[in-house]
Amino acid sequence: MASATGKRNTKTEAKIKSAFTTLVKSKGFEAMTVSDIARTADINRGTFYMHYVDKFNLRQQLINDTIDDLTRILVERVNPTEPTISQAGKSVVDVFQSQSIAKALQYVKNNYAFFDAISQSGNDMSLYERFKDVLKRLIITQAKHRDAEPQTIYNGIPADYAMEILVSAVASIVWLWIRRGCKESPEEICLIIERNKTTAPADILW
């Protein structure tokens, strides 16, 4: 977020983010105050207010910055020449490219403490839904690169439901990973997402 002068002070913002993460885990979001954040970040309250309105605005801006980072990783680095994969005898676009997904997972792993803090602060589902929106943008971007014509029905499924099924599968895998403490490596989760692309629900029923 830009300060009142219009310039970013990434060092100060990093300290505030670190303080937010620490305090959510130690005191809880509801109990923490701006004074707590300023004290933990070793800044004065005036400096905090140069960047954020209050703790709610801070949390929202941190979520916005996280979504911006994931968007850059997943959407803005799309490779329009990525090879297609074969499915049911047809050549289709592999919209969730392994390289970009792996980078996004590594970003989550590196910032696990923050994702965990957001979960504890009660805004977990907000971040989850916005992550799904990034995945939807990724699919749309891939389609535009290949001049694909939008359809109203995909394999008998209405377009909005088909989109939800596609992005929810990937987002749910990532969020389960986060809630379990990111115990597996990003490479392992990437492999699960890859295998999910060609796994039918009947294959995992018992």
C-alpha atoms as a PDB file:
ATOM      1  CA  MET A   1       0.000   0.000   0.000  1.00  0.00           C
ATOM      2  CA  ALA A   2       1.211   3.535  -0.746  1.00  0.00           C
ATOM      3  CA  SER A   3       1.665   5.946   2.141  1.00  0.00           C
ATOM      4  CA  ALA A   4       0.146   9.411   2.367  1.00  0.00           C
ATOM      5  CA  THR A   5       3.072  10.690   0.273  1.00  0.00           C
ATOM      6  CA  GLY A   6       2.149   8.286  -2.527  1.00  0.00           C
ATOM      7  CA  LYS A   7       5.339   6.278  -2.093  1.00  0.00           C
ATOM      8  CA  ARG A   8       5.709   2.749  -0.763  1.00  0.00           C
ATOM      9  CA  ASN A   9       7.919   2.111   2.214  1.00  0.00           C
ATOM     10  CA  THR A  10       8.312  -1.619   1.863  1.00  0.00           C
ATOM     11  CA  LYS A  11      10.597  -1.935   4.890  1.00  0.00           C
ATOM     12  CA  THR A  12       8.034  -0.347   7.195  1.00  0.00           C
ATOM     13  CA  GLU A  13       5.187  -2.325   5.634  1.00  0.00           C
ATOM     14  CA  ALA A  14       7.141  -5.556   6.078  1.00  0.00           C
ATOM     15  CA  LYS A  15       7.615  -4.755   9.777  1.00  0.00           C
ATOM     16  CA  ILE A  16       3.900  -4.012  10.165  1.00  0.00           C
ATOM     17  CA  LYS A  17       2.968  -7.246   8.366  1.00  0.00           C
ATOM     18  CA  SER A  18       5.323  -9.202  10.616  1.00  0.00           C
ATOM     19  CA  ALA A  19       3.841  -7.540  13.707  1.00  0.00           C
ATOM     20  CA  PHE A  20       0.300  -8.296  12.508  1.00  0.00           C
ATOM     21  CA  THR A  21       1.189 -11.955  11.951  1.00  0.00           C
ATOM     22  CA  THR A  22       2.837 -12.275  15.366  1.00  0.00           C
ATOM     23  CA  LEU A  23       0.006 -10.562  17.251  1.00  0.00           C
ATOM     24  CA  VAL A  24      -2.802 -12.502  15.605  1.00  0.00           C
ATOM     25  CA  LYS A  25      -1.150 -15.704  16.771  1.00  0.00           C
ATOM     26  CA  SER A  26      -0.329 -14.428  20.275  1.00  0.00           C
ATOM     27  CA  LYS A  27      -3.348 -12.228  21.117  1.00  0.00           C
ATOM     28  CA  GLY A  28      -5.925 -12.844  18.426  1.00  0.00           C
ATOM     29  CA  PHE A  29      -7.200 -10.328  15.889  1.00  0.00           C
ATOM     30  CA  GLU A  30     -10.050  -8.991  18.026  1.00  0.00           C
ATOM     31  CA  ALA A  31      -7.819  -8.306  21.034  1.00  0.00           C
ATOM     32  CA  MET A  32      -4.912  -6.685  19.208  1.00  0.00           C
ATOM     33  CA  THR A  33      -4.791  -2.884  18.895  1.00  0.00           C
ATOM     34  CA  VAL A  34      -3.001  -0.416  16.676  1.00  0.00           C
ATOM     35  CA  SER A  35      -0.784   0.419  19.646  1.00  0.00           C
ATOM     36  CA  ASP A  36       0.147  -3.262  19.896  1.00  0.00           C
ATOM     37  CA  ILE A  37       1.021  -3.348  16.206  1.00  0.00           C
ATOM     38  CA  ALA A  38       3.098  -0.173  16.393  1.00  0.00           C
ATOM     39  CA  ARG A  39       4.933  -1.369  19.494  1.00  0.00           C
ATOM     40  CA  THR A  40       5.695  -4.792  18.009  1.00  0.00           C
ATOM     41  CA  ALA A  41       6.784  -3.280  14.700  1.00  0.00           C
ATOM     42  CA  ASP A  42       8.951  -0.744  16.547  1.00  0.00           C
ATOM     43  CA  ILE A  43       7.248   2.225  14.905  1.00  0.00           C
ATOM     44  CA  ASN A  44       5.054   5.007  16.256  1.00  0.00           C
ATOM     45  CA  ARG A  45       1.287   5.132  15.792  1.00  0.00           C
ATOM     46  CA  GLY A  46       1.625   8.062  13.401  1.00  0.00           C
ATOM     47  CA  THR A  47       3.727   5.952  11.055  1.00  0.00           C
ATOM     48  CA  PHE A  48       1.101   3.208  11.134  1.00  0.00           C
ATOM     49  CA  TYR A  49      -1.632   5.693  10.223  1.00  0.00           C
ATOM     50  CA  MET A  50       0.432   6.962   7.295  1.00  0.00           C
ATOM     51  CA  HIS A  51      -0.070   3.524   5.747  1.00  0.00           C
ATOM     52  CA  TYR A  52      -3.364   2.172   7.103  1.00  0.00           C
ATOM     53  CA  VAL A  53      -6.660   3.452   8.499  1.00  0.00           C
ATOM     54  CA  ASP A  54      -7.007   0.830  11.240  1.00  0.00           C
ATOM     55  CA  LYS A  55      -6.326  -2.851  11.881  1.00  0.00           C
ATOM     56  CA  PHE A  56      -9.230  -3.879   9.636  1.00  0.00           C
ATOM     57  CA  ASN A  57      -7.848  -1.835   6.768  1.00  0.00           C
ATOM     58  CA  LEU A  58      -4.422  -3.350   7.437  1.00  0.00           C
ATOM     59  CA  ARG A  59      -5.794  -6.872   7.198  1.00  0.00           C
ATOM     60  CA  GLN A  60      -7.640  -6.051   3.984  1.00  0.00           C
ATOM     61  CA  GLN A  61      -4.597  -4.412   2.408  1.00  0.00           C
ATOM     62  CA  LEU A  62      -2.422  -7.397   3.320  1.00  0.00           C
ATOM     63  CA  ILE A  63      -4.946  -9.690   1.649  1.00  0.00           C
ATOM     64  CA  ASN A  64      -5.007  -7.390  -1.403  1.00  0.00           C
ATOM     65  CA  ASP A  65      -1.210  -7.474  -1.629  1.00  0.00           C
ATOM     66  CA  THR A  66      -1.221 -11.264  -1.369  1.00  0.00           C
ATOM     67  CA  ILE A  67      -3.782 -11.585  -4.154  1.00  0.00           C
ATOM     68  CA  ASP A  68      -1.746  -9.170  -6.294  1.00  0.00           C
ATOM     69  CA  ASP A  69       1.339 -11.326  -5.772  1.00  0.00           C
ATOM     70  CA  LEU A  70      -0.506 -14.527  -6.687  1.00  0.00           C
ATOM     71  CA  THR A  71      -2.006 -12.836  -9.728  1.00  0.00           C
ATOM     72  CA  ARG A  72       1.458 -11.868 -10.954  1.00  0.00           C
ATOM     73  CA  ILE A  73       2.686 -15.420 -10.444  1.00  0.00           C
ATOM     74  CA  LEU A  74      -0.275 -17.213 -11.999  1.00  0.00           C
ATOM     75  CA  VAL A  75      -1.838 -14.850 -14.524  1.00  0.00           C
ATOM     76  CA  GLU A  76       0.725 -12.330 -15.687  1.00  0.00           C
ATOM     77  CA  ARG A  77       3.325 -15.004 -16.445  1.00  0.00           C
ATOM     78  CA  VAL A  78       1.044 -17.183 -18.555  1.00  0.00           C
ATOM     79  CA  ASN A  79       2.916 -18.922 -21.353  1.00  0.00           C
ATOM     80  CA  PRO A  80       0.634 -18.885 -24.430  1.00  0.00           C
ATOM     81  CA  THR A  81       2.793 -21.542 -26.104  1.00  0.00           C
ATOM     82  CA  GLU A  82       2.392 -24.080 -23.274  1.00  0.00           C
ATOM     83  CA  PRO A  83       1.678 -27.477 -24.857  1.00  0.00           C
ATOM     84  CA  THR A  84      -1.785 -28.964 -24.627  1.00  0.00           C
ATOM     85  CA  ILE A  85      -2.660 -32.242 -22.940  1.00  0.00           C
ATOM     86  CA  SER A  86      -4.668 -35.078 -24.394  1.00  0.00           C
ATOM     87  CA  GLN A  87      -8.012 -35.811 -22.821  1.00  0.00           C
ATOM     88  CA  ALA A  88     -10.749 -38.099 -24.164  1.00  0.00           C
ATOM     89  CA  GLY A  89      -9.176 -38.083 -27.581  1.00  0.00           C
ATOM     90  CA  LYS A  90      -9.115 -34.283 -27.809  1.00  0.00           C
ATOM     91  CA  SER A  91      -6.296 -31.797 -27.382  1.00  0.00           C
ATOM     92  CA  VAL A  92      -7.155 -29.337 -24.620  1.00  0.00           C
ATOM     93  CA  VAL A  93      -5.354 -26.490 -22.927  1.00  0.00           C
ATOM     94  CA  ASP A  94      -3.648 -27.303 -19.644  1.00  0.00           C
ATOM     95  CA  VAL A  95      -4.760 -24.093 -17.955  1.00  0.00           C
ATOM     96  CA  PHE A  96      -3.064 -24.833 -14.631  1.00  0.00           C
ATOM     97  CA  GLN A  97       0.534 -24.885 -15.818  1.00  0.00           C
ATOM     98  CA  SER A  98       2.807 -26.826 -13.494  1.00  0.00           C
ATOM     99  CA  GLN A  99       5.571 -24.208 -13.405  1.00  0.00           C
ATOM    100  CA  SER A 100       3.254 -21.369 -12.371  1.00  0.00           C
ATOM    101  CA  ILE A 101       1.376 -23.520  -9.864  1.00  0.00           C
ATOM    102  CA  ALA A 102       4.683 -24.603  -8.307  1.00  0.00           C
ATOM    103  CA  LYS A 103       5.787 -20.969  -7.948  1.00  0.00           C
ATOM    104  CA  ALA A 104       2.448 -20.046  -6.367  1.00  0.00           C
ATOM    105  CA  LEU A 105       2.724 -22.929  -3.909  1.00  0.00           C
ATOM    106  CA  GLN A 106       6.265 -21.911  -2.986  1.00  0.00           C
ATOM    107  CA  TYR A 107       4.990 -18.361  -2.363  1.00  0.00           C
ATOM    108  CA  VAL A 108       2.331 -19.767  -0.007  1.00  0.00           C
ATOM    109  CA  LYS A 109       4.899 -21.931   1.761  1.00  0.00           C
ATOM    110  CA  ASN A 110       7.247 -18.968   2.223  1.00  0.00           C
ATOM    111  CA  ASN A 111       4.383 -16.902   3.638  1.00  0.00           C
ATOM    112  CA  TYR A 112       2.700 -19.663   5.629  1.00  0.00           C
ATOM    113  CA  ALA A 113       2.765 -17.696   8.907  1.00  0.00           C
ATOM    114  CA  PHE A 114       0.718 -14.927   7.277  1.00  0.00           C
ATOM    115  CA  PHE A 115      -1.794 -17.337   5.686  1.00  0.00           C
ATOM    116  CA  ASP A 116      -2.181 -19.027   9.067  1.00  0.00           C
ATOM    117  CA  ALA A 117      -2.716 -15.641  10.748  1.00  0.00           C
ATOM    118  CA  ILE A 118      -5.389 -14.685   8.212  1.00  0.00           C
ATOM    119  CA  SER A 119      -7.125 -17.977   8.893  1.00  0.00           C
ATOM    120  CA  GLN A 120      -7.087 -17.274  12.633  1.00  0.00           C
ATOM    121  CA  SER A 121      -8.305 -13.702  12.111  1.00  0.00           C
ATOM    122  CA  GLY A 122     -11.550 -14.908  10.573  1.00  0.00           C
ATOM    123  CA  ASN A 123     -10.860 -13.831   6.974  1.00  0.00           C
ATOM    124  CA  ASP A 124      -9.821 -17.239   5.702  1.00  0.00           C
ATOM    125  CA  MET A 125     -12.818 -17.659   3.363  1.00  0.00           C
ATOM    126  CA  SER A 126     -12.415 -14.156   1.957  1.00  0.00           C
ATOM    127  CA  LEU A 127      -8.874 -14.995   0.865  1.00  0.00           C
ATOM    128  CA  TYR A 128     -10.039 -18.396  -0.409  1.00  0.00           C
ATOM    129  CA  GLU A 129     -12.753 -16.864  -2.599  1.00  0.00           C
ATOM    130  CA  ARG A 130     -10.365 -14.275  -3.995  1.00  0.00           C
ATOM    131  CA  PHE A 131      -7.823 -16.996  -4.764  1.00  0.00           C
ATOM    132  CA  LYS A 132     -10.545 -18.756  -6.750  1.00  0.00           C
ATOM    133  CA  ASP A 133     -11.124 -15.500  -8.639  1.00  0.00           C
ATOM    134  CA  VAL A 134      -7.429 -15.469  -9.585  1.00  0.00           C
ATOM    135  CA  LEU A 135      -7.743 -19.004 -10.914  1.00  0.00           C
ATOM    136  CA  LYS A 136     -10.799 -17.959 -12.948  1.00  0.00           C
ATOM    137  CA  ARG A 137      -8.804 -15.070 -14.418  1.00  0.00           C
ATOM    138  CA  LEU A 138      -6.080 -17.545 -15.300  1.00  0.00           C
ATOM    139  CA  ILE A 139      -8.537 -19.732 -17.220  1.00  0.00           C
ATOM    140  CA  ILE A 140     -10.010 -16.742 -19.051  1.00  0.00           C
ATOM    141  CA  THR A 141      -6.539 -15.428 -19.916  1.00  0.00           C
ATOM    142  CA  GLN A 142      -5.518 -18.819 -21.306  1.00  0.00           C
ATOM    143  CA  ALA A 143      -8.696 -18.981 -23.386  1.00  0.00           C
ATOM    144  CA  LYS A 144      -8.131 -15.500 -24.825  1.00  0.00           C
ATOM    145  CA  HIS A 145      -4.549 -16.379 -25.780  1.00  0.00           C
ATOM    146  CA  ARG A 146      -5.931 -19.192 -27.936  1.00  0.00           C
ATOM    147  CA  ASP A 147      -8.949 -17.286 -29.258  1.00  0.00           C
ATOM    148  CA  ALA A 148     -11.232 -19.883 -27.698  1.00  0.00           C
ATOM    149  CA  GLU A 149     -14.935 -19.207 -28.069  1.00  0.00           C
ATOM    150  CA  PRO A 150     -16.813 -19.117 -24.743  1.00  0.00           C
ATOM    151  CA  GLN A 151     -19.555 -21.716 -24.446  1.00  0.00           C
ATOM    152  CA  THR A 152     -22.716 -21.806 -22.344  1.00  0.00           C
ATOM    153  CA  ILE A 153     -22.467 -25.573 -21.765  1.00  0.00           C
ATOM    154  CA  TYR A 154     -19.388 -27.749 -21.234  1.00  0.00           C
ATOM    155  CA  ASN A 155     -19.957 -31.495 -21.457  1.00  0.00           C
ATOM    156  CA  GLY A 156     -23.536 -30.951 -20.361  1.00  0.00           C
ATOM    157  CA  ILE A 157     -22.573 -28.666 -17.465  1.00  0.00           C
ATOM    158  CA  PRO A 158     -23.584 -24.948 -17.497  1.00  0.00           C
ATOM    159  CA  ALA A 159     -20.541 -22.690 -17.888  1.00  0.00           C
ATOM    160  CA  ASP A 160     -20.698 -21.078 -14.431  1.00  0.00           C
ATOM    161  CA  TYR A 161     -20.939 -24.475 -12.727  1.00  0.00           C
ATOM    162  CA  ALA A 162     -18.150 -25.882 -14.876  1.00  0.00           C
ATOM    163  CA  MET A 163     -15.889 -22.964 -13.924  1.00  0.00           C
ATOM    164  CA  GLU A 164     -16.699 -23.414 -10.240  1.00  0.00           C
ATOM    165  CA  ILE A 165     -15.912 -27.137 -10.387  1.00  0.00           C
ATOM    166  CA  LEU A 166     -12.592 -26.490 -12.090  1.00  0.00           C
ATOM    167  CA  VAL A 167     -11.268 -23.770  -9.779  1.00  0.00           C
ATOM    168  CA  SER A 168     -12.703 -25.230  -6.571  1.00  0.00           C
ATOM    169  CA  ALA A 169     -10.790 -28.472  -7.086  1.00  0.00           C
ATOM    170  CA  VAL A 170      -7.445 -26.675  -7.174  1.00  0.00           C
ATOM    171  CA  ALA A 171      -8.301 -24.093  -4.490  1.00  0.00           C
ATOM    172  CA  SER A 172      -9.564 -26.772  -2.084  1.00  0.00           C
ATOM    173  CA  ILE A 173      -6.349 -28.773  -2.416  1.00  0.00           C
ATOM    174  CA  VAL A 174      -4.269 -25.672  -1.673  1.00  0.00           C
ATOM    175  CA  TRP A 175      -6.432 -24.616   1.290  1.00  0.00           C
ATOM    176  CA  LEU A 176      -6.383 -28.078   2.846  1.00  0.00           C
ATOM    177  CA  TRP A 177      -2.595 -27.956   2.542  1.00  0.00           C
ATOM    178  CA  ILE A 178      -2.494 -24.579   4.316  1.00  0.00           C
ATOM    179  CA  ARG A 179      -4.835 -25.708   7.106  1.00  0.00           C
ATOM    180  CA  ARG A 180      -2.668 -28.773   7.670  1.00  0.00           C
ATOM    181  CA  GLY A 181       0.372 -26.552   8.141  1.00  0.00           C
ATOM    182  CA  CYS A 182       1.922 -26.848   4.647  1.00  0.00           C
ATOM    183  CA  LYS A 183       3.540 -30.091   5.798  1.00  0.00           C
ATOM    184  CA  GLU A 184       4.013 -31.450   2.296  1.00  0.00           C
ATOM    185  CA  SER A 185       6.447 -29.799  -0.079  1.00  0.00           C
ATOM    186  CA  PRO A 186       5.132 -27.538  -2.876  1.00  0.00           C
ATOM    187  CA  GLU A 187       6.305 -30.209  -5.323  1.00  0.00           C
ATOM    188  CA  GLU A 188       4.143 -32.852  -3.648  1.00  0.00           C
ATOM    189  CA  ILE A 189       1.053 -30.621  -3.749  1.00  0.00           C
ATOM    190  CA  CYS A 190       1.779 -29.725  -7.369  1.00  0.00           C
ATOM    191  CA  LEU A 191       1.840 -33.439  -8.178  1.00  0.00           C
ATOM    192  CA  ILE A 192      -1.518 -33.935  -6.428  1.00  0.00           C
ATOM    193  CA  ILE A 193      -3.004 -31.113  -8.521  1.00  0.00           C
ATOM    194  CA  GLU A 194      -1.534 -32.670 -11.664  1.00  0.00           C
ATOM    195  CA  ARG A 195      -3.018 -36.081 -10.849  1.00  0.00           C
ATOM    196  CA  ASN A 196      -6.364 -34.520  -9.999  1.00  0.00           C
ATOM    197  CA  LYS A 197      -6.635 -33.303 -13.618  1.00  0.00           C
ATOM    198  CA  THR A 198      -7.118 -36.851 -14.850  1.00  0.00           C
ATOM    199  CA  THR A 199      -8.701 -38.510 -11.813  1.00  0.00           C
ATOM    200  CA  ALA A 200     -12.415 -39.259 -11.944  1.00  0.00           C
ATOM    201  CA  PRO A 201     -14.410 -39.095  -8.696  1.00  0.00           C
ATOM    202  CA  ALA A 202     -15.244 -42.799  -9.053  1.00  0.00           C
ATOM    203  CA  ASP A 203     -11.522 -43.569  -8.935  1.00  0.00           C
ATOM    204  CA  ILE A 204     -11.233 -42.410  -5.306  1.00  0.00           C
ATOM    205  CA  LEU A 205     -14.468 -43.792  -3.879  1.00  0.00           C
ATOM    206  CA  TRP A 206     -14.341 -46.787  -1.573  1.00  0.00           C
END
